[in-house]
Amino acid sequence: MSAIVDSHCHLNFPDFAPELDAVVERAREAGLVRMVTISTRVYEFDKILAITDAYDDVYCSVGTHPHNADQELDVTTKDLLAHANHPKVVAIGEAGLDYFYDNAPVDAQKTGLVRHIDAARETGLPLIIHARSADEDMMQILRDETAKNGAFPFVLHCFSSGKALAECGIELGGYVSFSGILTFKNSQEIRDIAKCLPMDKLLVETDAPYLAPPPHRGQRNEPAFVVNTAKVLAETLNVSFDTIAAQTTDNFYRLFSKVPRHDG
């Protein structure tokens, strides 16, 4: 069985509470060797840490989702840095820009994003970037911040944006992560973008409990289903599943350098 990683899930969400042990066990049975449960609210960070304490193979990030940016404007870069000292914290975020739902003012989202960029640069931990319907502003901020203060590690998670943003991310040294969206029938544009990107810059994720890939479409997503997304990515790139599993896992360890490699 090929080892594989879910680089982005939300195990602290209520959807998993009744059977979290079973969810983690199914992931292991499917070949997952690492899972990263992603923070959306720093104020609830203790709940995420409790999950990482319970499972040796689960790690986490710390940060504020753009939907919640205006609710956590008092969370400073210094606060993020303090949390990032924990051995199970291996990433910053998720932070970014989401103009599709418009759940938080744009200025608050931008302020939060820059603070998270500063934390990623200072810690060397990858920034998990959420970008939706905000391609132009995201490209400008990524380029401006890199030019002004230097490069920082990052991944464009759950990629559903245009080709220009993907190419900008790669140009600046970032990675691109594909979720179940890659597998949807109407996502040919996303699959075409994947074909244009260097394979050593690709990750796979679930974003569970959202965006379950076929044959689980419409159900609650869970980390084990990252295998289904990886299979479609393999088909898209005309390589074997084993090749994609090995490549994306190696890419994960390169970007998430704080995560210890699994045995075997």
C-alpha atoms as a PDB file:
ATOM      1  CA  MET A   1       0.000   0.000   0.000  1.00  0.00           C
ATOM      2  CA  SER A   2       1.396   3.373  -1.027  1.00  0.00           C
ATOM      3  CA  ALA A   3       2.015   5.899   1.736  1.00  0.00           C
ATOM      4  CA  ILE A   4       0.142   9.142   1.245  1.00  0.00           C
ATOM      5  CA  VAL A   5      -0.617  12.334   3.180  1.00  0.00           C
ATOM      6  CA  ASP A   6      -3.695  14.517   3.693  1.00  0.00           C
ATOM      7  CA  SER A   7      -2.103  17.948   3.877  1.00  0.00           C
ATOM      8  CA  HIS A   8      -5.338  19.755   4.795  1.00  0.00           C
ATOM      9  CA  CYS A   9      -8.351  18.605   6.805  1.00  0.00           C
ATOM     10  CA  HIS A  10     -10.454  19.925   9.677  1.00  0.00           C
ATOM     11  CA  LEU A  11     -10.666  17.157  12.260  1.00  0.00           C
ATOM     12  CA  ASN A  12     -11.833  19.590  14.935  1.00  0.00           C
ATOM     13  CA  PHE A  13     -15.079  20.318  13.096  1.00  0.00           C
ATOM     14  CA  PRO A  14     -18.261  18.949  14.715  1.00  0.00           C
ATOM     15  CA  ASP A  15     -18.846  16.631  11.740  1.00  0.00           C
ATOM     16  CA  PHE A  16     -16.163  14.277  13.081  1.00  0.00           C
ATOM     17  CA  ALA A  17     -16.857  14.448  16.817  1.00  0.00           C
ATOM     18  CA  PRO A  18     -18.993  11.281  17.089  1.00  0.00           C
ATOM     19  CA  GLU A  19     -16.382   8.997  15.483  1.00  0.00           C
ATOM     20  CA  LEU A  20     -13.020  10.701  15.276  1.00  0.00           C
ATOM     21  CA  ASP A  21     -11.122   7.574  16.330  1.00  0.00           C
ATOM     22  CA  ALA A  22     -12.767   5.622  13.515  1.00  0.00           C
ATOM     23  CA  VAL A  23     -12.059   8.379  10.977  1.00  0.00           C
ATOM     24  CA  VAL A  24      -8.361   8.403  11.855  1.00  0.00           C
ATOM     25  CA  GLU A  25      -8.208   4.615  11.783  1.00  0.00           C
ATOM     26  CA  ARG A  26      -9.829   4.465   8.331  1.00  0.00           C
ATOM     27  CA  ALA A  27      -7.250   6.978   7.116  1.00  0.00           C
ATOM     28  CA  ARG A  28      -4.417   4.792   8.372  1.00  0.00           C
ATOM     29  CA  GLU A  29      -5.966   1.730   6.734  1.00  0.00           C
ATOM     30  CA  ALA A  30      -6.098   3.654   3.437  1.00  0.00           C
ATOM     31  CA  GLY A  31      -2.336   4.283   3.605  1.00  0.00           C
ATOM     32  CA  LEU A  32      -2.227   7.739   5.170  1.00  0.00           C
ATOM     33  CA  VAL A  33       0.901   8.331   7.211  1.00  0.00           C
ATOM     34  CA  ARG A  34       0.343  11.998   8.104  1.00  0.00           C
ATOM     35  CA  MET A  35      -2.656  14.314   8.447  1.00  0.00           C
ATOM     36  CA  VAL A  36      -2.608  18.059   9.077  1.00  0.00           C
ATOM     37  CA  THR A  37      -5.699  19.482  10.751  1.00  0.00           C
ATOM     38  CA  ILE A  38      -5.983  23.137   9.857  1.00  0.00           C
ATOM     39  CA  SER A  39      -6.827  26.051  12.129  1.00  0.00           C
ATOM     40  CA  THR A  40      -9.577  28.477  11.149  1.00  0.00           C
ATOM     41  CA  ARG A  41      -9.802  30.359  14.471  1.00  0.00           C
ATOM     42  CA  VAL A  42      -6.880  31.039  16.789  1.00  0.00           C
ATOM     43  CA  TYR A  43      -9.390  31.428  19.616  1.00  0.00           C
ATOM     44  CA  GLU A  44     -10.226  27.713  19.253  1.00  0.00           C
ATOM     45  CA  PHE A  45      -6.631  26.579  18.913  1.00  0.00           C
ATOM     46  CA  ASP A  46      -6.720  24.543  22.139  1.00  0.00           C
ATOM     47  CA  LYS A  47      -9.283  22.193  20.566  1.00  0.00           C
ATOM     48  CA  ILE A  48      -6.979  21.524  17.639  1.00  0.00           C
ATOM     49  CA  LEU A  49      -3.982  20.890  19.881  1.00  0.00           C
ATOM     50  CA  ALA A  50      -6.030  18.368  21.871  1.00  0.00           C
ATOM     51  CA  ILE A  51      -6.563  16.377  18.682  1.00  0.00           C
ATOM     52  CA  THR A  52      -2.875  16.385  17.792  1.00  0.00           C
ATOM     53  CA  ASP A  53      -2.097  15.216  21.322  1.00  0.00           C
ATOM     54  CA  ALA A  54      -4.430  12.261  20.847  1.00  0.00           C
ATOM     55  CA  TYR A  55      -2.937  11.004  17.555  1.00  0.00           C
ATOM     56  CA  ASP A  56       0.769  10.663  16.827  1.00  0.00           C
ATOM     57  CA  ASP A  57       0.305  11.015  13.066  1.00  0.00           C
ATOM     58  CA  VAL A  58      -1.861  14.169  13.197  1.00  0.00           C
ATOM     59  CA  TYR A  59      -0.252  17.612  13.092  1.00  0.00           C
ATOM     60  CA  CYS A  60      -1.775  21.084  12.847  1.00  0.00           C
ATOM     61  CA  SER A  61      -1.499  24.713  11.816  1.00  0.00           C
ATOM     62  CA  VAL A  62      -2.343  27.915  13.659  1.00  0.00           C
ATOM     63  CA  GLY A  63      -4.190  30.780  12.041  1.00  0.00           C
ATOM     64  CA  THR A  64      -7.387  32.603  11.156  1.00  0.00           C
ATOM     65  CA  HIS A  65      -9.508  31.781   8.102  1.00  0.00           C
ATOM     66  CA  PRO A  66     -10.404  34.840   5.987  1.00  0.00           C
ATOM     67  CA  HIS A  67     -14.084  34.290   6.818  1.00  0.00           C
ATOM     68  CA  ASN A  68     -13.171  35.034  10.447  1.00  0.00           C
ATOM     69  CA  ALA A  69     -10.578  37.741   9.811  1.00  0.00           C
ATOM     70  CA  ASP A  70     -12.568  40.607  11.288  1.00  0.00           C
ATOM     71  CA  GLN A  71     -13.258  38.598  14.452  1.00  0.00           C
ATOM     72  CA  GLU A  72      -9.566  38.033  15.183  1.00  0.00           C
ATOM     73  CA  LEU A  73      -7.922  41.306  14.223  1.00  0.00           C
ATOM     74  CA  ASP A  74      -6.388  41.414  17.686  1.00  0.00           C
ATOM     75  CA  VAL A  75      -4.407  38.250  16.897  1.00  0.00           C
ATOM     76  CA  THR A  76      -0.954  39.555  16.052  1.00  0.00           C
ATOM     77  CA  THR A  77       1.996  38.036  14.246  1.00  0.00           C
ATOM     78  CA  LYS A  78       3.633  37.744  17.643  1.00  0.00           C
ATOM     79  CA  ASP A  79       0.694  35.641  18.868  1.00  0.00           C
ATOM     80  CA  LEU A  80       1.024  33.326  15.879  1.00  0.00           C
ATOM     81  CA  LEU A  81       4.751  32.959  16.518  1.00  0.00           C
ATOM     82  CA  ALA A  82       4.141  32.022  20.153  1.00  0.00           C
ATOM     83  CA  HIS A  83       1.717  29.232  19.176  1.00  0.00           C
ATOM     84  CA  ALA A  84       4.045  28.050  16.416  1.00  0.00           C
ATOM     85  CA  ASN A  85       6.616  26.985  19.007  1.00  0.00           C
ATOM     86  CA  HIS A  86       4.517  23.926  19.836  1.00  0.00           C
ATOM     87  CA  PRO A  87       6.099  20.767  18.349  1.00  0.00           C
ATOM     88  CA  LYS A  88       2.860  19.707  16.649  1.00  0.00           C
ATOM     89  CA  VAL A  89       2.345  23.078  14.919  1.00  0.00           C
ATOM     90  CA  VAL A  90       3.816  22.627  11.445  1.00  0.00           C
ATOM     91  CA  ALA A  91       2.160  25.412   9.427  1.00  0.00           C
ATOM     92  CA  ILE A  92       0.641  28.901   9.600  1.00  0.00           C
ATOM     93  CA  GLY A  93      -2.952  29.581   8.537  1.00  0.00           C
ATOM     94  CA  GLU A  94      -5.189  29.062   6.867  1.00  0.00           C
ATOM     95  CA  ALA A  95      -5.335  32.699   5.892  1.00  0.00           C
ATOM     96  CA  GLY A  96      -6.083  34.467   2.648  1.00  0.00           C
ATOM     97  CA  LEU A  97      -8.754  36.191   0.603  1.00  0.00           C
ATOM     98  CA  ASP A  98     -12.280  34.970  -0.116  1.00  0.00           C
ATOM     99  CA  TYR A  99     -14.425  37.361  -2.141  1.00  0.00           C
ATOM    100  CA  PHE A 100     -16.946  34.675  -3.110  1.00  0.00           C
ATOM    101  CA  TYR A 101     -18.735  34.617   0.247  1.00  0.00           C
ATOM    102  CA  ASP A 102     -17.675  38.059   1.456  1.00  0.00           C
ATOM    103  CA  ASN A 103     -18.000  36.956   5.085  1.00  0.00           C
ATOM    104  CA  ALA A 104     -15.431  39.487   6.304  1.00  0.00           C
ATOM    105  CA  PRO A 105     -14.404  42.952   5.096  1.00  0.00           C
ATOM    106  CA  VAL A 106     -11.659  42.913   2.473  1.00  0.00           C
ATOM    107  CA  ASP A 107      -9.374  45.139   4.550  1.00  0.00           C
ATOM    108  CA  ALA A 108      -9.601  42.749   7.489  1.00  0.00           C
ATOM    109  CA  GLN A 109      -8.778  39.790   5.234  1.00  0.00           C
ATOM    110  CA  LYS A 110      -5.755  41.587   3.784  1.00  0.00           C
ATOM    111  CA  THR A 111      -4.515  42.644   7.217  1.00  0.00           C
ATOM    112  CA  GLY A 112      -4.790  39.087   8.488  1.00  0.00           C
ATOM    113  CA  LEU A 113      -3.077  37.659   5.426  1.00  0.00           C
ATOM    114  CA  VAL A 114      -0.043  39.939   5.757  1.00  0.00           C
ATOM    115  CA  ARG A 115       0.322  39.082   9.456  1.00  0.00           C
ATOM    116  CA  HIS A 116       0.282  35.387   8.573  1.00  0.00           C
ATOM    117  CA  ILE A 117       2.821  35.951   5.800  1.00  0.00           C
ATOM    118  CA  ASP A 118       5.123  37.601   8.331  1.00  0.00           C
ATOM    119  CA  ALA A 119       4.705  34.630  10.674  1.00  0.00           C
ATOM    120  CA  ALA A 120       5.470  32.146   7.895  1.00  0.00           C
ATOM    121  CA  ARG A 121       8.571  34.067   6.882  1.00  0.00           C
ATOM    122  CA  GLU A 122       9.852  34.323  10.448  1.00  0.00           C
ATOM    123  CA  THR A 123       9.177  30.697  11.428  1.00  0.00           C
ATOM    124  CA  GLY A 124       9.958  29.053   8.094  1.00  0.00           C
ATOM    125  CA  LEU A 125       6.658  27.185   8.402  1.00  0.00           C
ATOM    126  CA  PRO A 126       4.478  27.056   5.286  1.00  0.00           C
ATOM    127  CA  LEU A 127       1.540  29.420   5.018  1.00  0.00           C
ATOM    128  CA  ILE A 128      -1.711  27.680   4.070  1.00  0.00           C
ATOM    129  CA  ILE A 129      -3.330  30.118   1.643  1.00  0.00           C
ATOM    130  CA  HIS A 130      -7.074  30.194   1.031  1.00  0.00           C
ATOM    131  CA  ALA A 131      -7.846  32.016  -2.217  1.00  0.00           C
ATOM    132  CA  ARG A 132     -11.301  32.181  -3.764  1.00  0.00           C
ATOM    133  CA  SER A 133     -12.550  34.679  -6.339  1.00  0.00           C
ATOM    134  CA  ALA A 134      -9.637  36.944  -5.431  1.00  0.00           C
ATOM    135  CA  ASP A 135      -6.944  36.033  -7.944  1.00  0.00           C
ATOM    136  CA  GLU A 136      -5.716  39.522  -8.850  1.00  0.00           C
ATOM    137  CA  ASP A 137      -5.464  40.807  -5.275  1.00  0.00           C
ATOM    138  CA  MET A 138      -3.831  37.565  -4.129  1.00  0.00           C
ATOM    139  CA  MET A 139      -1.186  37.730  -6.858  1.00  0.00           C
ATOM    140  CA  GLN A 140      -0.441  41.346  -6.028  1.00  0.00           C
ATOM    141  CA  ILE A 141      -0.041  40.681  -2.303  1.00  0.00           C
ATOM    142  CA  LEU A 142       2.150  37.604  -2.865  1.00  0.00           C
ATOM    143  CA  ARG A 143       4.400  39.491  -5.258  1.00  0.00           C
ATOM    144  CA  ASP A 144       4.523  42.672  -3.193  1.00  0.00           C
ATOM    145  CA  GLU A 145       5.288  40.874   0.064  1.00  0.00           C
ATOM    146  CA  THR A 146       7.990  38.771  -1.562  1.00  0.00           C
ATOM    147  CA  ALA A 147       9.601  41.808  -3.199  1.00  0.00           C
ATOM    148  CA  LYS A 148       9.381  43.936  -0.055  1.00  0.00           C
ATOM    149  CA  ASN A 149      10.388  41.527   2.687  1.00  0.00           C
ATOM    150  CA  GLY A 150      11.641  38.346   1.035  1.00  0.00           C
ATOM    151  CA  ALA A 151      10.300  34.930   0.100  1.00  0.00           C
ATOM    152  CA  PHE A 152       8.257  32.730   2.418  1.00  0.00           C
ATOM    153  CA  PRO A 153       7.020  29.136   2.123  1.00  0.00           C
ATOM    154  CA  PHE A 154       3.379  28.666   1.125  1.00  0.00           C
ATOM    155  CA  VAL A 155       0.800  26.456  -0.528  1.00  0.00           C
ATOM    156  CA  LEU A 156      -2.266  27.510  -2.495  1.00  0.00           C
ATOM    157  CA  HIS A 157      -4.629  25.061  -0.857  1.00  0.00           C
ATOM    158  CA  CYS A 158      -7.774  23.505  -2.360  1.00  0.00           C
ATOM    159  CA  PHE A 159      -6.885  25.077  -5.671  1.00  0.00           C
ATOM    160  CA  SER A 160      -9.879  26.320  -7.668  1.00  0.00           C
ATOM    161  CA  SER A 161      -8.498  29.545  -9.108  1.00  0.00           C
ATOM    162  CA  GLY A 162      -7.185  30.545 -12.525  1.00  0.00           C
ATOM    163  CA  LYS A 163      -4.007  29.426 -14.232  1.00  0.00           C
ATOM    164  CA  ALA A 164      -2.325  32.797 -13.659  1.00  0.00           C
ATOM    165  CA  LEU A 165      -2.502  32.435  -9.876  1.00  0.00           C
ATOM    166  CA  ALA A 166      -1.133  28.889 -10.021  1.00  0.00           C
ATOM    167  CA  GLU A 167       1.778  30.049 -12.174  1.00  0.00           C
ATOM    168  CA  CYS A 168       2.388  33.029  -9.885  1.00  0.00           C
ATOM    169  CA  GLY A 169       2.497  30.703  -6.882  1.00  0.00           C
ATOM    170  CA  ILE A 170       5.012  28.401  -8.543  1.00  0.00           C
ATOM    171  CA  GLU A 171       7.099  31.367  -9.730  1.00  0.00           C
ATOM    172  CA  LEU A 172       7.391  32.614  -6.138  1.00  0.00           C
ATOM    173  CA  GLY A 173       8.431  29.201  -4.826  1.00  0.00           C
ATOM    174  CA  GLY A 174       5.032  28.049  -3.595  1.00  0.00           C
ATOM    175  CA  TYR A 175       3.141  24.779  -3.955  1.00  0.00           C
ATOM    176  CA  VAL A 176      -0.340  24.008  -5.268  1.00  0.00           C
ATOM    177  CA  SER A 177      -2.652  21.566  -3.489  1.00  0.00           C
ATOM    178  CA  PHE A 178      -5.594  19.799  -5.103  1.00  0.00           C
ATOM    179  CA  SER A 179      -8.720  18.681  -3.277  1.00  0.00           C
ATOM    180  CA  GLY A 180     -11.797  16.747  -4.373  1.00  0.00           C
ATOM    181  CA  ILE A 181     -12.627  19.672  -6.679  1.00  0.00           C
ATOM    182  CA  LEU A 182     -10.068  18.204  -9.087  1.00  0.00           C
ATOM    183  CA  THR A 183     -12.255  15.105  -9.461  1.00  0.00           C
ATOM    184  CA  PHE A 184     -15.561  16.836 -10.259  1.00  0.00           C
ATOM    185  CA  LYS A 185     -16.978  16.469 -13.763  1.00  0.00           C
ATOM    186  CA  ASN A 186     -17.088  20.241 -14.337  1.00  0.00           C
ATOM    187  CA  SER A 187     -13.477  20.780 -13.215  1.00  0.00           C
ATOM    188  CA  GLN A 188     -11.677  20.144 -16.494  1.00  0.00           C
ATOM    189  CA  GLU A 189     -10.070  23.592 -16.257  1.00  0.00           C
ATOM    190  CA  ILE A 190      -8.507  22.639 -12.914  1.00  0.00           C
ATOM    191  CA  ARG A 191      -7.232  19.364 -14.370  1.00  0.00           C
ATOM    192  CA  ASP A 192      -5.757  21.241 -17.319  1.00  0.00           C
ATOM    193  CA  ILE A 193      -3.956  23.583 -14.916  1.00  0.00           C
ATOM    194  CA  ALA A 194      -2.565  20.597 -13.003  1.00  0.00           C
ATOM    195  CA  LYS A 195      -1.023  19.286 -16.236  1.00  0.00           C
ATOM    196  CA  CYS A 196       0.953  22.531 -16.613  1.00  0.00           C
ATOM    197  CA  LEU A 197       2.529  22.535 -13.162  1.00  0.00           C
ATOM    198  CA  PRO A 198       5.790  20.878 -12.058  1.00  0.00           C
ATOM    199  CA  MET A 199       5.069  17.614 -10.276  1.00  0.00           C
ATOM    200  CA  ASP A 200       7.509  18.425  -7.479  1.00  0.00           C
ATOM    201  CA  LYS A 201       5.257  21.340  -6.458  1.00  0.00           C
ATOM    202  CA  LEU A 202       1.966  19.428  -6.124  1.00  0.00           C
ATOM    203  CA  LEU A 203       0.120  18.294  -2.989  1.00  0.00           C
ATOM    204  CA  VAL A 204      -3.156  16.497  -2.376  1.00  0.00           C
ATOM    205  CA  GLU A 205      -5.695  17.157   0.361  1.00  0.00           C
ATOM    206  CA  THR A 206      -9.294  16.561   1.328  1.00  0.00           C
ATOM    207  CA  ASP A 207     -10.343  19.819   3.017  1.00  0.00           C
ATOM    208  CA  ALA A 208     -12.557  17.385   4.922  1.00  0.00           C
ATOM    209  CA  PRO A 209     -15.381  17.447   5.862  1.00  0.00           C
ATOM    210  CA  TYR A 210     -15.989  19.288   2.586  1.00  0.00           C
ATOM    211  CA  LEU A 211     -15.675  18.417  -1.120  1.00  0.00           C
ATOM    212  CA  ALA A 212     -15.759  14.630  -1.062  1.00  0.00           C
ATOM    213  CA  PRO A 213     -14.543  13.115  -4.339  1.00  0.00           C
ATOM    214  CA  PRO A 214     -16.431  10.397  -6.214  1.00  0.00           C
ATOM    215  CA  PRO A 215     -17.571   7.791  -5.338  1.00  0.00           C
ATOM    216  CA  HIS A 216     -18.298   9.640  -2.073  1.00  0.00           C
ATOM    217  CA  ARG A 217     -19.672  12.812  -3.704  1.00  0.00           C
ATOM    218  CA  GLY A 218     -22.390  14.357  -1.553  1.00  0.00           C
ATOM    219  CA  GLN A 219     -21.197  12.606   1.597  1.00  0.00           C
ATOM    220  CA  ARG A 220     -19.104  13.960   4.423  1.00  0.00           C
ATOM    221  CA  ASN A 221     -15.492  13.937   3.302  1.00  0.00           C
ATOM    222  CA  GLU A 222     -12.752  12.381   5.431  1.00  0.00           C
ATOM    223  CA  PRO A 223      -8.961  12.004   5.165  1.00  0.00           C
ATOM    224  CA  ALA A 224      -9.077   8.455   3.756  1.00  0.00           C
ATOM    225  CA  PHE A 225     -10.721   9.834   0.618  1.00  0.00           C
ATOM    226  CA  VAL A 226      -7.539  11.721  -0.347  1.00  0.00           C
ATOM    227  CA  VAL A 227      -6.639   8.486  -2.112  1.00  0.00           C
ATOM    228  CA  ASN A 228      -9.488   9.067  -4.575  1.00  0.00           C
ATOM    229  CA  THR A 229      -8.246  12.557  -5.402  1.00  0.00           C
ATOM    230  CA  ALA A 230      -4.691  11.292  -5.827  1.00  0.00           C
ATOM    231  CA  LYS A 231      -5.922   8.641  -8.276  1.00  0.00           C
ATOM    232  CA  VAL A 232      -7.575  11.297 -10.438  1.00  0.00           C
ATOM    233  CA  LEU A 233      -4.445  13.439 -10.289  1.00  0.00           C
ATOM    234  CA  ALA A 234      -2.443  10.422 -11.439  1.00  0.00           C
ATOM    235  CA  GLU A 235      -4.823   9.860 -14.350  1.00  0.00           C
ATOM    236  CA  THR A 236      -4.677  13.545 -15.228  1.00  0.00           C
ATOM    237  CA  LEU A 237      -0.883  13.513 -15.372  1.00  0.00           C
ATOM    238  CA  ASN A 238      -0.754  10.080 -17.035  1.00  0.00           C
ATOM    239  CA  VAL A 239       1.348   8.499 -14.296  1.00  0.00           C
ATOM    240  CA  SER A 240       0.702   5.696 -11.827  1.00  0.00           C
ATOM    241  CA  PHE A 241      -1.024   6.173  -8.490  1.00  0.00           C
ATOM    242  CA  ASP A 242       2.155   4.970  -6.761  1.00  0.00           C
ATOM    243  CA  THR A 243       4.111   7.708  -8.531  1.00  0.00           C
ATOM    244  CA  ILE A 244       1.690  10.425  -7.400  1.00  0.00           C
ATOM    245  CA  ALA A 245       1.517   9.073  -3.858  1.00  0.00           C
ATOM    246  CA  ALA A 246       5.300   9.018  -3.554  1.00  0.00           C
ATOM    247  CA  GLN A 247       5.778  12.412  -5.215  1.00  0.00           C
ATOM    248  CA  THR A 248       3.122  14.303  -3.248  1.00  0.00           C
ATOM    249  CA  THR A 249       4.305  12.724   0.005  1.00  0.00           C
ATOM    250  CA  ASP A 250       7.902  13.747  -0.710  1.00  0.00           C
ATOM    251  CA  ASN A 251       6.684  17.231  -1.646  1.00  0.00           C
ATOM    252  CA  PHE A 252       4.751  17.412   1.618  1.00  0.00           C
ATOM    253  CA  TYR A 253       7.808  16.638   3.727  1.00  0.00           C
ATOM    254  CA  ARG A 254       9.861  19.178   1.789  1.00  0.00           C
ATOM    255  CA  LEU A 255       7.343  21.964   2.387  1.00  0.00           C
ATOM    256  CA  PHE A 256       6.163  20.896   5.848  1.00  0.00           C
ATOM    257  CA  SER A 257       9.751  20.443   6.971  1.00  0.00           C
ATOM    258  CA  LYS A 258       8.867  20.371  10.669  1.00  0.00           C
ATOM    259  CA  VAL A 259       6.931  17.130  10.253  1.00  0.00           C
ATOM    260  CA  PRO A 260       9.072  14.062  10.972  1.00  0.00           C
ATOM    261  CA  ARG A 261       9.140  11.524   8.149  1.00  0.00           C
ATOM    262  CA  HIS A 262       7.293   8.270   8.692  1.00  0.00           C
ATOM    263  CA  ASP A 263       9.160   4.979   8.994  1.00  0.00           C
ATOM    264  CA  GLY A 264       9.209   2.759   5.929  1.00  0.00           C
END
